[in-house]
């Protein structure tokens, strides 16, 4: 397993010119992109065709029972497609406020450079991400 994750422009939801991500932050950024990209939207070969799990789309389309039983394993399977993810656990929490349902997914990720936490807060429209060093 490689420990050089490279370097790229910092870009979670929008590019930050002059700012770069590397190490665990870059891996976390790549994972966020996996969870905001609908499957089949990237051009390229087989890997690109199988890239992505649009969490906001899933949350907006699924019934609570369907989502609760299947989303943790689906997130784990998608994240493990990145060769720099050694292992991870996924916590799932649902909260309701008035007519809005929000899902919080906590990913405890182990990589060759060490652990980190990625928290994704998803409603039926948006996905917000927070990165934390473990």
N, C-alpha and C. Protein backbone atom coordinates (compact mmCIF):
# COMPACT_ATOMS: atom_id res chain seq x y z
N UNK A 1 0.85 -1.18 0.00
CA UNK A 1 0.00 0.00 0.00
C UNK A 1 0.89 1.24 0.00
N UNK A 2 0.64 2.13 -0.91
CA UNK A 2 1.45 3.34 -1.02
C UNK A 2 1.09 4.34 0.07
N UNK A 3 2.11 5.11 0.49
CA UNK A 3 1.84 6.15 1.49
C UNK A 3 1.98 7.54 0.89
N UNK A 4 2.22 7.64 -0.41
CA UNK A 4 2.24 8.93 -1.08
C UNK A 4 0.92 9.09 -1.82
N UNK A 5 0.03 9.87 -1.26
CA UNK A 5 -1.30 10.04 -1.86
C UNK A 5 -1.30 11.12 -2.93
N UNK A 6 -0.17 11.79 -3.11
CA UNK A 6 -0.09 12.83 -4.12
C UNK A 6 -0.57 14.18 -3.60
N UNK A 7 -0.87 15.07 -4.52
CA UNK A 7 -1.32 16.42 -4.19
C UNK A 7 -2.25 16.88 -5.30
N UNK A 8 -3.29 17.60 -4.93
CA UNK A 8 -4.24 18.10 -5.91
C UNK A 8 -4.84 19.40 -5.39
N UNK A 9 -5.50 20.12 -6.27
CA UNK A 9 -6.18 21.35 -5.88
C UNK A 9 -7.22 21.03 -4.83
N UNK A 10 -7.30 21.86 -3.80
CA UNK A 10 -8.31 21.68 -2.76
C UNK A 10 -9.67 21.96 -3.38
N UNK A 11 -10.55 20.97 -3.34
CA UNK A 11 -11.85 21.13 -3.99
C UNK A 11 -12.84 20.14 -3.38
N UNK A 12 -13.59 20.58 -2.41
CA UNK A 12 -14.65 19.74 -1.87
C UNK A 12 -15.91 20.03 -2.68
N UNK A 13 -16.45 21.22 -2.56
CA UNK A 13 -17.62 21.58 -3.36
C UNK A 13 -17.28 22.67 -4.37
N UNK A 14 -16.19 23.40 -4.14
CA UNK A 14 -15.73 24.39 -5.11
C UNK A 14 -14.21 24.49 -5.00
N UNK A 15 -13.57 24.86 -6.12
CA UNK A 15 -12.11 24.93 -6.12
C UNK A 15 -11.62 26.10 -5.31
N UNK A 16 -10.54 25.88 -4.60
CA UNK A 16 -9.87 26.94 -3.83
C UNK A 16 -8.53 27.18 -4.50
N UNK A 17 -8.44 28.16 -5.36
CA UNK A 17 -7.20 28.41 -6.08
C UNK A 17 -6.09 28.75 -5.09
N UNK A 18 -4.90 28.21 -5.36
CA UNK A 18 -3.75 28.46 -4.51
C UNK A 18 -3.71 27.59 -3.27
N UNK A 19 -4.70 26.73 -3.07
CA UNK A 19 -4.71 25.85 -1.91
C UNK A 19 -4.70 24.40 -2.40
N UNK A 20 -3.89 23.58 -1.76
CA UNK A 20 -3.74 22.19 -2.18
C UNK A 20 -4.09 21.24 -1.05
N UNK A 21 -4.54 20.07 -1.44
CA UNK A 21 -4.81 19.00 -0.48
C UNK A 21 -3.79 17.89 -0.73
N UNK A 22 -3.34 17.26 0.34
CA UNK A 22 -2.43 16.13 0.23
C UNK A 22 -2.69 15.21 1.42
N UNK A 23 -2.07 14.05 1.41
CA UNK A 23 -2.19 13.11 2.52
C UNK A 23 -3.62 12.68 2.78
N UNK A 24 -3.96 12.58 4.06
CA UNK A 24 -5.30 12.12 4.44
C UNK A 24 -6.39 13.08 3.98
N UNK A 25 -6.09 14.38 3.97
CA UNK A 25 -7.08 15.35 3.50
C UNK A 25 -7.44 15.09 2.04
N UNK A 26 -6.45 14.77 1.22
CA UNK A 26 -6.71 14.47 -0.18
C UNK A 26 -7.57 13.21 -0.31
N UNK A 27 -7.26 12.20 0.48
CA UNK A 27 -8.06 10.98 0.46
C UNK A 27 -9.49 11.28 0.91
N UNK A 28 -9.65 12.07 1.96
CA UNK A 28 -10.99 12.46 2.41
C UNK A 28 -11.75 13.22 1.33
N UNK A 29 -11.05 14.10 0.63
CA UNK A 29 -11.66 14.86 -0.47
C UNK A 29 -12.12 13.92 -1.57
N UNK A 30 -11.30 12.93 -1.91
CA UNK A 30 -11.70 11.98 -2.95
C UNK A 30 -12.93 11.18 -2.51
N UNK A 31 -12.99 10.82 -1.23
CA UNK A 31 -14.16 10.09 -0.74
C UNK A 31 -15.42 10.94 -0.84
N UNK A 32 -15.32 12.21 -0.49
CA UNK A 32 -16.48 13.10 -0.61
C UNK A 32 -16.96 13.11 -2.06
N UNK A 33 -16.04 13.19 -3.00
CA UNK A 33 -16.43 13.20 -4.42
C UNK A 33 -17.15 11.90 -4.79
N UNK A 34 -16.76 10.78 -4.19
CA UNK A 34 -17.46 9.52 -4.45
C UNK A 34 -18.91 9.60 -3.99
N UNK A 35 -19.17 10.35 -2.92
CA UNK A 35 -20.50 10.38 -2.33
C UNK A 35 -21.38 11.52 -2.82
N UNK A 36 -20.87 12.34 -3.72
CA UNK A 36 -21.71 13.38 -4.33
C UNK A 36 -21.85 13.17 -5.84
N UNK A 37 -21.21 12.14 -6.37
CA UNK A 37 -21.24 11.87 -7.81
C UNK A 37 -22.20 10.73 -8.11
N UNK A 38 -23.21 10.95 -8.92
CA UNK A 38 -24.10 9.85 -9.32
C UNK A 38 -23.33 8.82 -10.15
N UNK A 39 -23.59 7.55 -9.88
CA UNK A 39 -22.94 6.47 -10.62
C UNK A 39 -23.19 6.63 -12.11
N UNK A 40 -22.13 6.39 -12.90
CA UNK A 40 -22.24 6.46 -14.35
C UNK A 40 -22.03 7.85 -14.94
N UNK A 41 -21.73 8.85 -14.11
CA UNK A 41 -21.59 10.22 -14.61
C UNK A 41 -20.19 10.55 -15.10
N UNK A 42 -19.20 9.73 -14.75
CA UNK A 42 -17.83 9.99 -15.20
C UNK A 42 -17.56 9.28 -16.51
N UNK A 43 -16.83 9.94 -17.38
CA UNK A 43 -16.43 9.31 -18.64
C UNK A 43 -15.16 8.52 -18.40
N UNK A 44 -14.99 7.48 -19.20
CA UNK A 44 -13.78 6.70 -19.10
C UNK A 44 -14.08 5.22 -19.20
N UNK A 45 -13.30 4.44 -18.49
CA UNK A 45 -13.42 2.98 -18.55
C UNK A 45 -14.33 2.42 -17.47
N UNK A 46 -14.06 1.18 -17.12
CA UNK A 46 -14.89 0.46 -16.15
C UNK A 46 -14.85 1.10 -14.76
N UNK A 47 -13.65 1.52 -14.33
CA UNK A 47 -13.53 2.15 -13.00
C UNK A 47 -14.40 3.40 -12.91
N UNK A 48 -14.38 4.21 -13.95
CA UNK A 48 -15.19 5.44 -13.95
C UNK A 48 -16.68 5.11 -14.01
N UNK A 49 -17.06 4.08 -14.74
CA UNK A 49 -18.47 3.69 -14.83
C UNK A 49 -19.01 3.22 -13.48
N UNK A 50 -18.13 2.67 -12.63
CA UNK A 50 -18.54 2.16 -11.32
C UNK A 50 -18.24 3.14 -10.19
N UNK A 51 -17.92 4.38 -10.52
CA UNK A 51 -17.56 5.39 -9.53
C UNK A 51 -18.82 6.13 -9.08
N UNK A 52 -18.97 6.29 -7.79
CA UNK A 52 -19.99 7.19 -7.27
C UNK A 52 -21.16 6.52 -6.58
N UNK A 53 -21.65 7.22 -5.57
CA UNK A 53 -22.84 6.84 -4.82
C UNK A 53 -23.46 8.14 -4.34
N UNK A 54 -24.42 8.65 -5.09
CA UNK A 54 -25.03 9.95 -4.81
C UNK A 54 -25.90 9.86 -3.55
N UNK A 55 -25.32 10.25 -2.41
CA UNK A 55 -26.05 10.12 -1.14
C UNK A 55 -27.30 10.99 -1.10
N UNK A 56 -27.22 12.22 -1.59
CA UNK A 56 -28.40 13.09 -1.57
C UNK A 56 -29.52 12.49 -2.40
N UNK A 57 -29.18 11.89 -3.53
CA UNK A 57 -30.19 11.24 -4.36
C UNK A 57 -30.80 10.03 -3.68
N UNK A 58 -29.97 9.26 -2.97
CA UNK A 58 -30.48 8.09 -2.25
C UNK A 58 -31.40 8.50 -1.10
N UNK A 59 -30.97 9.50 -0.35
CA UNK A 59 -31.78 9.96 0.78
C UNK A 59 -33.12 10.49 0.31
N UNK A 60 -33.12 11.21 -0.82
CA UNK A 60 -34.35 11.79 -1.33
C UNK A 60 -35.30 10.77 -1.95
N UNK A 61 -34.76 9.61 -2.38
CA UNK A 61 -35.58 8.65 -3.12
C UNK A 61 -36.01 7.43 -2.30
N UNK A 62 -35.28 7.09 -1.27
CA UNK A 62 -35.53 5.84 -0.55
C UNK A 62 -36.48 6.04 0.62
N UNK A 63 -37.17 4.97 0.99
CA UNK A 63 -37.94 4.99 2.22
C UNK A 63 -36.97 4.80 3.37
N UNK A 64 -37.34 5.24 4.55
CA UNK A 64 -36.44 5.17 5.70
C UNK A 64 -35.97 3.75 5.98
N UNK A 65 -36.88 2.77 5.92
CA UNK A 65 -36.49 1.39 6.21
C UNK A 65 -35.49 0.87 5.19
N UNK A 66 -35.73 1.16 3.92
CA UNK A 66 -34.79 0.73 2.88
C UNK A 66 -33.42 1.34 3.10
N UNK A 67 -33.39 2.62 3.36
CA UNK A 67 -32.13 3.34 3.50
C UNK A 67 -31.37 2.88 4.73
N UNK A 68 -32.04 2.78 5.84
CA UNK A 68 -31.36 2.44 7.08
C UNK A 68 -30.69 1.08 7.03
N UNK A 69 -31.33 0.11 6.39
CA UNK A 69 -30.75 -1.23 6.34
C UNK A 69 -29.66 -1.39 5.30
N UNK A 70 -29.63 -0.55 4.27
CA UNK A 70 -28.68 -0.77 3.17
C UNK A 70 -27.59 0.26 3.02
N UNK A 71 -27.76 1.44 3.58
CA UNK A 71 -26.84 2.53 3.25
C UNK A 71 -25.45 2.35 3.85
N UNK A 72 -25.34 1.86 5.06
CA UNK A 72 -24.01 1.66 5.67
C UNK A 72 -23.13 0.75 4.84
N UNK A 73 -23.60 -0.46 4.49
CA UNK A 73 -22.78 -1.33 3.64
C UNK A 73 -22.50 -0.73 2.26
N UNK A 74 -23.43 0.01 1.70
CA UNK A 74 -23.20 0.62 0.38
C UNK A 74 -22.11 1.69 0.46
N UNK A 75 -22.12 2.49 1.52
CA UNK A 75 -21.07 3.49 1.72
C UNK A 75 -19.72 2.79 1.89
N UNK A 76 -19.70 1.75 2.70
CA UNK A 76 -18.45 1.02 2.93
C UNK A 76 -17.91 0.42 1.63
N UNK A 77 -18.76 -0.21 0.85
CA UNK A 77 -18.32 -0.80 -0.42
C UNK A 77 -17.76 0.26 -1.37
N UNK A 78 -18.42 1.41 -1.44
CA UNK A 78 -17.95 2.47 -2.34
C UNK A 78 -16.60 3.02 -1.87
N UNK A 79 -16.45 3.26 -0.58
CA UNK A 79 -15.19 3.81 -0.06
C UNK A 79 -14.03 2.84 -0.25
N UNK A 80 -14.28 1.55 -0.10
CA UNK A 80 -13.22 0.56 -0.24
C UNK A 80 -12.74 0.39 -1.67
N UNK A 81 -13.44 0.99 -2.63
CA UNK A 81 -12.95 0.98 -4.02
C UNK A 81 -11.69 1.82 -4.16
N UNK A 82 -11.48 2.78 -3.26
CA UNK A 82 -10.25 3.57 -3.28
C UNK A 82 -9.16 2.73 -2.64
N UNK A 83 -8.11 2.44 -3.39
CA UNK A 83 -7.06 1.54 -2.91
C UNK A 83 -6.31 2.06 -1.70
N UNK A 84 -6.43 3.33 -1.38
CA UNK A 84 -5.73 3.89 -0.23
C UNK A 84 -6.56 3.81 1.06
N UNK A 85 -7.79 3.34 0.95
CA UNK A 85 -8.60 3.08 2.13
C UNK A 85 -8.34 1.64 2.56
N UNK A 86 -7.76 1.48 3.74
CA UNK A 86 -7.47 0.13 4.23
C UNK A 86 -8.70 -0.50 4.87
N UNK A 87 -9.41 0.29 5.67
CA UNK A 87 -10.63 -0.19 6.31
C UNK A 87 -11.42 1.01 6.79
N UNK A 88 -12.70 0.77 7.08
CA UNK A 88 -13.51 1.84 7.65
C UNK A 88 -14.75 1.27 8.30
N UNK A 89 -15.28 2.04 9.22
CA UNK A 89 -16.57 1.74 9.81
C UNK A 89 -17.48 2.92 9.51
N UNK A 90 -18.77 2.63 9.39
CA UNK A 90 -19.74 3.66 9.05
C UNK A 90 -20.81 3.71 10.13
N UNK A 91 -21.00 4.88 10.71
CA UNK A 91 -22.10 5.11 11.64
C UNK A 91 -23.20 5.87 10.92
N UNK A 92 -24.46 5.51 11.19
CA UNK A 92 -25.60 6.12 10.52
C UNK A 92 -26.56 6.65 11.58
N UNK A 93 -26.94 7.92 11.42
CA UNK A 93 -27.90 8.54 12.35
C UNK A 93 -28.90 9.36 11.56
N UNK A 94 -30.17 9.21 11.88
CA UNK A 94 -31.23 9.96 11.24
C UNK A 94 -31.84 10.91 12.26
N UNK A 95 -32.08 12.17 11.84
CA UNK A 95 -32.77 13.14 12.69
C UNK A 95 -33.91 13.77 11.91
N UNK A 96 -34.98 14.08 12.61
CA UNK A 96 -36.13 14.72 12.00
C UNK A 96 -36.41 16.04 12.69
N UNK A 97 -36.62 17.08 11.88
CA UNK A 97 -36.99 18.39 12.39
C UNK A 97 -38.09 18.92 11.47
N UNK A 98 -39.29 19.06 12.02
CA UNK A 98 -40.45 19.48 11.24
C UNK A 98 -40.65 18.50 10.09
N UNK A 99 -40.56 18.96 8.87
CA UNK A 99 -40.76 18.07 7.72
C UNK A 99 -39.46 17.62 7.07
N UNK A 100 -38.32 18.00 7.66
CA UNK A 100 -37.03 17.66 7.06
C UNK A 100 -36.37 16.51 7.79
N UNK A 101 -35.89 15.55 7.03
CA UNK A 101 -35.13 14.42 7.57
C UNK A 101 -33.69 14.59 7.13
N UNK A 102 -32.79 14.51 8.09
CA UNK A 102 -31.36 14.64 7.81
C UNK A 102 -30.66 13.37 8.27
N UNK A 103 -29.73 12.90 7.46
CA UNK A 103 -28.93 11.72 7.77
C UNK A 103 -27.49 12.17 8.00
N UNK A 104 -26.88 11.65 9.05
CA UNK A 104 -25.48 11.90 9.32
C UNK A 104 -24.74 10.58 9.23
N UNK A 105 -23.73 10.55 8.35
CA UNK A 105 -22.91 9.36 8.15
C UNK A 105 -21.51 9.68 8.65
N UNK A 106 -21.04 8.93 9.63
CA UNK A 106 -19.72 9.12 10.20
C UNK A 106 -18.82 7.98 9.73
N UNK A 107 -17.80 8.31 8.97
CA UNK A 107 -16.87 7.32 8.45
C UNK A 107 -15.57 7.42 9.23
N UNK A 108 -15.22 6.37 9.94
CA UNK A 108 -13.92 6.28 10.60
C UNK A 108 -13.02 5.49 9.66
N UNK A 109 -12.10 6.20 9.03
CA UNK A 109 -11.29 5.65 7.94
C UNK A 109 -9.88 5.34 8.43
N UNK A 110 -9.38 4.18 8.06
CA UNK A 110 -7.99 3.83 8.31
C UNK A 110 -7.28 3.80 6.96
N UNK A 111 -6.19 4.56 6.85
CA UNK A 111 -5.40 4.59 5.62
C UNK A 111 -3.95 4.29 5.97
N UNK A 112 -3.12 4.18 4.95
CA UNK A 112 -1.69 3.93 5.17
C UNK A 112 -1.03 5.09 5.93
N UNK A 113 -1.61 6.28 5.86
CA UNK A 113 -1.09 7.43 6.58
C UNK A 113 -1.75 7.63 7.94
N UNK A 114 -2.59 6.72 8.33
CA UNK A 114 -3.24 6.81 9.63
C UNK A 114 -4.73 7.06 9.52
N UNK A 115 -5.38 7.16 10.68
CA UNK A 115 -6.83 7.29 10.71
C UNK A 115 -7.30 8.74 10.54
N UNK A 116 -8.52 8.87 10.07
CA UNK A 116 -9.21 10.15 10.07
C UNK A 116 -10.71 9.89 10.06
N UNK A 117 -11.46 10.94 10.35
CA UNK A 117 -12.92 10.83 10.39
C UNK A 117 -13.50 11.76 9.34
N UNK A 118 -14.49 11.25 8.62
CA UNK A 118 -15.20 12.03 7.63
C UNK A 118 -16.68 11.97 8.00
N UNK A 119 -17.30 13.13 8.20
CA UNK A 119 -18.70 13.20 8.55
C UNK A 119 -19.46 13.83 7.39
N UNK A 120 -20.47 13.12 6.91
CA UNK A 120 -21.30 13.59 5.80
C UNK A 120 -22.71 13.81 6.33
N UNK A 121 -23.21 15.03 6.20
CA UNK A 121 -24.56 15.38 6.62
C UNK A 121 -25.38 15.57 5.35
N UNK A 122 -26.42 14.75 5.20
CA UNK A 122 -27.15 14.67 3.93
C UNK A 122 -28.64 14.86 4.16
N UNK A 123 -29.24 15.73 3.35
CA UNK A 123 -30.70 15.77 3.27
C UNK A 123 -31.07 15.43 1.84
N UNK A 124 -32.29 15.63 1.44
CA UNK A 124 -32.67 15.21 0.09
C UNK A 124 -32.19 16.17 -0.99
N UNK A 125 -31.42 17.19 -0.60
CA UNK A 125 -30.94 18.16 -1.57
C UNK A 125 -29.41 18.28 -1.56
N UNK A 126 -28.80 18.28 -0.40
CA UNK A 126 -27.37 18.59 -0.30
C UNK A 126 -26.61 17.56 0.52
N UNK A 127 -25.30 17.59 0.33
CA UNK A 127 -24.37 16.81 1.14
C UNK A 127 -23.30 17.78 1.65
N UNK A 128 -23.13 17.83 2.96
CA UNK A 128 -22.08 18.66 3.56
C UNK A 128 -21.07 17.72 4.18
N UNK A 129 -19.79 18.06 4.05
CA UNK A 129 -18.73 17.19 4.55
C UNK A 129 -17.87 17.92 5.56
N UNK A 130 -17.43 17.17 6.58
CA UNK A 130 -16.49 17.69 7.57
C UNK A 130 -15.40 16.65 7.76
N UNK A 131 -14.15 17.10 7.67
CA UNK A 131 -12.99 16.23 7.84
C UNK A 131 -12.41 16.48 9.21
N UNK A 132 -12.04 15.40 9.92
CA UNK A 132 -11.40 15.53 11.23
C UNK A 132 -10.23 14.57 11.30
N UNK A 133 -9.06 15.07 11.72
CA UNK A 133 -7.96 14.14 11.99
C UNK A 133 -8.31 13.36 13.23
N UNK A 134 -7.99 12.08 13.21
CA UNK A 134 -8.31 11.22 14.37
C UNK A 134 -7.24 11.33 15.43
